[in-house]
């Protein structure tokens, strides 16, 4: 299950940051853990390093996916 942290942006607002493990990200993306770690080494995917552990902020992963989403242009016939 994803780990959550509460991050205070200001005294009045808080934001929950879900951190995923590589195994959890594997299930989400349907990509092998070895490929995920390869992406980390190549700097292709957002991640956080906590000592020797690598975690993936879920909101950044979702944005990363959206940025790579192919949207074909509509074809208008005359």
N, C-alpha and C. Protein backbone atom coordinates (compact mmCIF):
# COMPACT_ATOMS: atom_id res chain seq x y z
N UNK A 1 0.84 -1.18 0.00
CA UNK A 1 0.00 0.00 0.00
C UNK A 1 0.89 1.24 0.00
N UNK A 2 0.44 2.31 -0.60
CA UNK A 2 1.22 3.54 -0.71
C UNK A 2 1.41 4.19 0.65
N UNK A 3 2.59 4.75 0.84
CA UNK A 3 2.86 5.49 2.06
C UNK A 3 2.40 6.93 1.86
N UNK A 4 1.94 7.56 2.92
CA UNK A 4 1.49 8.95 2.84
C UNK A 4 2.26 9.79 3.83
N UNK A 5 2.52 11.00 3.43
CA UNK A 5 3.12 11.99 4.31
C UNK A 5 2.27 13.24 4.22
N UNK A 6 2.20 13.96 5.32
CA UNK A 6 1.51 15.25 5.29
C UNK A 6 2.58 16.32 5.19
N UNK A 7 2.43 17.19 4.20
CA UNK A 7 3.37 18.27 3.99
C UNK A 7 2.64 19.58 4.19
N UNK A 8 3.17 20.41 5.05
CA UNK A 8 2.53 21.70 5.32
C UNK A 8 3.08 22.75 4.36
N UNK A 9 2.21 23.28 3.50
CA UNK A 9 2.59 24.36 2.60
C UNK A 9 2.51 25.70 3.32
N UNK A 10 1.55 25.82 4.17
CA UNK A 10 1.37 27.02 4.98
C UNK A 10 0.69 26.58 6.27
N UNK A 11 0.62 27.46 7.25
CA UNK A 11 -0.02 27.06 8.51
C UNK A 11 -1.47 26.60 8.34
N UNK A 12 -2.16 27.11 7.33
CA UNK A 12 -3.58 26.79 7.17
C UNK A 12 -3.85 25.62 6.23
N UNK A 13 -2.90 25.28 5.36
CA UNK A 13 -3.19 24.23 4.39
C UNK A 13 -2.19 23.09 4.50
N UNK A 14 -2.69 21.90 4.28
CA UNK A 14 -1.83 20.72 4.25
C UNK A 14 -2.13 19.93 2.99
N UNK A 15 -1.13 19.19 2.55
CA UNK A 15 -1.26 18.40 1.34
C UNK A 15 -0.75 17.00 1.65
N UNK A 16 -1.45 15.98 1.20
CA UNK A 16 -1.02 14.62 1.43
C UNK A 16 -0.17 14.18 0.24
N UNK A 17 1.02 13.69 0.52
CA UNK A 17 1.92 13.20 -0.50
C UNK A 17 1.99 11.70 -0.40
N UNK A 18 1.52 11.02 -1.43
CA UNK A 18 1.60 9.57 -1.44
C UNK A 18 2.90 9.17 -2.12
N UNK A 19 3.67 8.34 -1.45
CA UNK A 19 4.91 7.83 -2.01
C UNK A 19 4.72 6.35 -2.34
N UNK A 20 5.03 6.00 -3.57
CA UNK A 20 4.90 4.62 -4.03
C UNK A 20 6.26 3.94 -4.04
N UNK A 21 6.27 2.65 -3.75
CA UNK A 21 7.48 1.86 -3.91
C UNK A 21 7.59 1.46 -5.38
N UNK A 22 8.73 0.93 -5.76
CA UNK A 22 8.90 0.47 -7.15
C UNK A 22 7.92 -0.65 -7.46
N UNK A 23 7.66 -1.51 -6.48
CA UNK A 23 6.72 -2.62 -6.69
C UNK A 23 5.30 -2.09 -6.90
N UNK A 24 4.91 -1.08 -6.12
CA UNK A 24 3.59 -0.48 -6.29
C UNK A 24 3.49 0.23 -7.64
N UNK A 25 4.58 0.89 -8.04
CA UNK A 25 4.59 1.56 -9.34
C UNK A 25 4.53 0.55 -10.48
N UNK A 26 5.17 -0.59 -10.28
CA UNK A 26 5.11 -1.66 -11.27
C UNK A 26 3.65 -2.07 -11.52
N UNK A 27 2.89 -2.22 -10.46
CA UNK A 27 1.47 -2.60 -10.58
C UNK A 27 0.66 -1.49 -11.24
N UNK A 28 0.97 -0.24 -10.92
CA UNK A 28 0.23 0.89 -11.47
C UNK A 28 0.50 1.06 -12.97
N UNK A 29 1.78 1.01 -13.35
CA UNK A 29 2.16 1.27 -14.74
C UNK A 29 2.20 0.03 -15.62
N UNK A 30 2.17 -1.15 -14.98
CA UNK A 30 2.31 -2.41 -15.72
C UNK A 30 3.66 -2.45 -16.44
N UNK A 31 4.70 -1.98 -15.73
CA UNK A 31 6.07 -1.96 -16.24
C UNK A 31 6.93 -2.68 -15.21
N UNK A 32 7.83 -3.53 -15.65
CA UNK A 32 8.69 -4.30 -14.78
C UNK A 32 9.54 -3.40 -13.87
N UNK A 33 9.79 -3.84 -12.65
CA UNK A 33 10.59 -3.08 -11.69
C UNK A 33 11.97 -2.75 -12.26
N UNK A 34 12.58 -3.68 -12.98
CA UNK A 34 13.90 -3.43 -13.57
C UNK A 34 13.84 -2.24 -14.54
N UNK A 35 12.77 -2.14 -15.30
CA UNK A 35 12.60 -1.02 -16.22
C UNK A 35 12.42 0.28 -15.44
N UNK A 36 11.66 0.24 -14.37
CA UNK A 36 11.46 1.42 -13.54
C UNK A 36 12.79 1.92 -12.99
N UNK A 37 13.61 1.01 -12.46
CA UNK A 37 14.92 1.41 -11.94
C UNK A 37 15.83 1.92 -13.06
N UNK A 38 15.68 1.39 -14.25
CA UNK A 38 16.43 1.90 -15.40
C UNK A 38 16.02 3.34 -15.69
N UNK A 39 14.72 3.62 -15.62
CA UNK A 39 14.22 4.99 -15.81
C UNK A 39 14.80 5.93 -14.75
N UNK A 40 14.90 5.44 -13.52
CA UNK A 40 15.48 6.24 -12.43
C UNK A 40 16.93 6.57 -12.75
N UNK A 41 17.70 5.56 -13.12
CA UNK A 41 19.12 5.77 -13.42
C UNK A 41 19.32 6.74 -14.56
N UNK A 42 18.42 6.73 -15.53
CA UNK A 42 18.52 7.60 -16.70
C UNK A 42 17.84 8.95 -16.48
N UNK A 43 17.22 9.15 -15.33
CA UNK A 43 16.56 10.41 -15.02
C UNK A 43 15.30 10.66 -15.83
N UNK A 44 14.59 9.59 -16.17
CA UNK A 44 13.41 9.71 -17.02
C UNK A 44 12.10 9.79 -16.25
N UNK A 45 12.11 9.45 -14.98
CA UNK A 45 10.88 9.37 -14.21
C UNK A 45 11.07 10.13 -12.89
N UNK A 46 10.04 10.82 -12.40
CA UNK A 46 10.18 11.53 -11.13
C UNK A 46 10.32 10.56 -9.95
N UNK A 47 11.26 10.86 -9.06
CA UNK A 47 11.44 10.01 -7.89
C UNK A 47 12.05 10.82 -6.75
N UNK A 48 12.00 10.24 -5.57
CA UNK A 48 12.61 10.82 -4.38
C UNK A 48 13.53 9.75 -3.80
N UNK A 49 14.76 10.15 -3.46
CA UNK A 49 15.68 9.22 -2.82
C UNK A 49 15.72 9.54 -1.34
N UNK A 50 15.41 8.54 -0.52
CA UNK A 50 15.48 8.66 0.93
C UNK A 50 16.54 7.66 1.37
N UNK A 51 17.76 8.22 1.61
CA UNK A 51 18.93 7.38 1.88
C UNK A 51 19.11 6.43 0.69
N UNK A 52 19.07 5.13 0.90
CA UNK A 52 19.26 4.19 -0.21
C UNK A 52 17.94 3.75 -0.84
N UNK A 53 16.83 4.29 -0.35
CA UNK A 53 15.50 3.91 -0.85
C UNK A 53 15.01 4.89 -1.90
N UNK A 54 14.35 4.36 -2.91
CA UNK A 54 13.76 5.19 -3.96
C UNK A 54 12.25 5.09 -3.83
N UNK A 55 11.60 6.25 -3.82
CA UNK A 55 10.14 6.31 -3.77
C UNK A 55 9.65 7.24 -4.87
N UNK A 56 8.39 7.07 -5.25
CA UNK A 56 7.83 7.78 -6.37
C UNK A 56 6.59 8.55 -5.92
N UNK A 57 6.64 9.90 -5.94
CA UNK A 57 5.46 10.70 -5.56
C UNK A 57 4.32 10.45 -6.56
N UNK A 58 3.22 9.92 -6.07
CA UNK A 58 2.12 9.51 -6.94
C UNK A 58 1.61 10.66 -7.80
N UNK A 59 1.46 11.86 -7.24
CA UNK A 59 0.92 12.98 -8.02
C UNK A 59 1.89 13.35 -9.15
N UNK A 60 3.19 13.24 -8.92
CA UNK A 60 4.16 13.54 -9.98
C UNK A 60 4.16 12.46 -11.05
N UNK A 61 3.95 11.22 -10.65
CA UNK A 61 3.87 10.12 -11.63
C UNK A 61 2.65 10.31 -12.52
N UNK A 62 1.54 10.70 -11.93
CA UNK A 62 0.32 10.93 -12.72
C UNK A 62 0.54 12.07 -13.71
N UNK A 63 1.18 13.15 -13.27
CA UNK A 63 1.50 14.26 -14.18
C UNK A 63 2.45 13.81 -15.28
N UNK A 64 3.43 12.99 -14.92
CA UNK A 64 4.40 12.45 -15.87
C UNK A 64 3.69 11.63 -16.95
N UNK A 65 2.73 10.83 -16.55
CA UNK A 65 1.95 10.03 -17.50
C UNK A 65 1.13 10.96 -18.41
N UNK A 66 0.47 11.94 -17.82
CA UNK A 66 -0.35 12.87 -18.60
C UNK A 66 0.49 13.63 -19.62
N UNK A 67 1.72 14.01 -19.25
CA UNK A 67 2.62 14.71 -20.18
C UNK A 67 3.01 13.85 -21.37
N UNK A 68 2.97 12.54 -21.20
CA UNK A 68 3.37 11.62 -22.26
C UNK A 68 2.18 11.01 -22.99
N UNK A 69 1.00 11.43 -22.65
CA UNK A 69 -0.21 10.90 -23.25
C UNK A 69 -0.34 11.40 -24.69
N UNK A 70 -0.41 10.48 -25.64
CA UNK A 70 -0.56 10.84 -27.04
C UNK A 70 -2.02 11.10 -27.32
N UNK A 71 -2.28 12.27 -27.88
CA UNK A 71 -3.65 12.64 -28.24
C UNK A 71 -3.67 12.97 -29.72
N UNK A 72 -4.17 12.07 -30.54
CA UNK A 72 -4.19 12.34 -31.98
C UNK A 72 -5.11 13.52 -32.32
N UNK A 73 -4.68 14.23 -33.33
CA UNK A 73 -5.53 15.34 -33.80
C UNK A 73 -6.75 14.78 -34.50
N UNK A 74 -7.85 15.47 -34.37
CA UNK A 74 -9.05 15.01 -35.06
C UNK A 74 -8.91 15.29 -36.56
N UNK A 75 -9.50 14.40 -37.33
CA UNK A 75 -9.45 14.52 -38.78
C UNK A 75 -10.77 15.10 -39.25
N UNK A 76 -10.67 16.25 -39.90
CA UNK A 76 -11.86 16.89 -40.45
C UNK A 76 -11.88 16.69 -41.95
N UNK A 77 -12.92 16.03 -42.42
CA UNK A 77 -13.06 15.81 -43.87
C UNK A 77 -13.93 16.93 -44.45
N UNK A 78 -13.52 17.38 -45.60
CA UNK A 78 -14.27 18.46 -46.26
C UNK A 78 -15.18 17.91 -47.31
